[in-house]
Protein backbone atom coordinates (compact mmCIF):
# COMPACT_ATOMS: atom_id res chain seq x y z
CA MET A 1 0.00 0.00 0.00
CA SER A 2 1.08 3.53 -0.57
CA GLU A 3 -0.21 7.02 0.18
CA HIS A 4 0.08 10.09 -2.03
CA ALA A 5 -1.54 13.43 -1.21
CA GLY A 6 -3.97 11.81 1.22
CA THR A 7 -5.08 9.08 -1.20
CA TRP A 8 -4.25 5.46 -0.43
CA SER A 9 -3.75 2.84 -3.12
CA SER A 10 -2.75 -0.80 -3.23
CA SER A 11 -1.51 -3.23 -5.83
CA VAL A 12 -1.31 -6.99 -6.15
CA VAL A 13 2.14 -8.48 -5.59
CA LYS A 14 2.81 -11.87 -7.17
CA THR A 15 4.66 -14.22 -4.84
CA ALA A 16 5.73 -17.87 -4.89
CA SER A 17 7.63 -20.15 -2.56
CA CYS A 18 11.19 -20.93 -3.64
CA ALA A 19 11.56 -24.58 -4.70
CA VAL A 20 15.06 -24.74 -3.15
CA GLY A 21 15.05 -22.57 -0.02
CA ASP A 22 12.45 -21.78 2.58
CA GLU A 23 11.49 -18.28 1.48
CA VAL A 24 8.82 -16.40 -0.43
CA VAL A 25 9.98 -14.78 -3.69
CA MET A 26 8.38 -11.65 -5.13
CA LEU A 27 7.85 -12.28 -8.84
CA PRO A 28 8.24 -9.57 -11.50
CA ASP A 29 5.01 -7.84 -12.62
CA ASP A 30 5.41 -9.16 -16.16
CA VAL A 31 6.00 -12.81 -15.18
CA LYS A 32 4.12 -15.45 -17.17
CA PRO A 33 3.64 -19.17 -16.51
CA GLY A 34 6.53 -21.07 -18.06
CA GLY A 35 8.98 -18.23 -17.49
CA LEU A 36 12.31 -18.80 -15.72
CA ILE A 37 13.71 -16.96 -12.73
CA GLU A 38 16.84 -17.59 -10.70
CA CYS A 39 16.75 -18.02 -6.93
CA HIS A 40 19.54 -19.46 -4.74
CA GLY A 41 21.65 -19.75 -7.91
CA ILE A 42 19.23 -22.25 -9.47
CA LYS A 43 16.90 -21.62 -12.40
CA GLN A 44 13.26 -22.24 -11.53
CA ARG A 45 10.21 -22.41 -13.78
CA VAL A 46 7.18 -20.30 -12.87
CA THR A 47 3.83 -22.11 -12.81
CA TYR A 48 0.30 -20.86 -12.19
CA GLU A 49 -2.46 -23.30 -11.27
CA PHE A 50 -5.61 -23.11 -9.16
CA GLY A 51 -5.08 -19.36 -8.62
CA ALA A 52 -1.59 -19.69 -7.13
CA TRP A 53 1.94 -19.02 -8.38
CA ALA A 54 4.65 -21.62 -7.75
CA LEU A 55 8.28 -22.33 -8.64
CA GLU A 56 9.74 -25.68 -9.63
CA LYS A 57 13.37 -26.65 -10.21
CA VAL A 58 14.38 -26.93 -13.85
């Protein structure tokens, strides 16, 4: 959430659990299912099923 000139606004943040470590990763706004990101030095594929984002080791 943020405030500017007395007006509050919010935005959706895409998150997924890292497939390697025990942490939540904030995904880029333009991420798409099937895309690759790197976390803990390992490439992970982004998936989206049942309304939830996830990462799986490649």
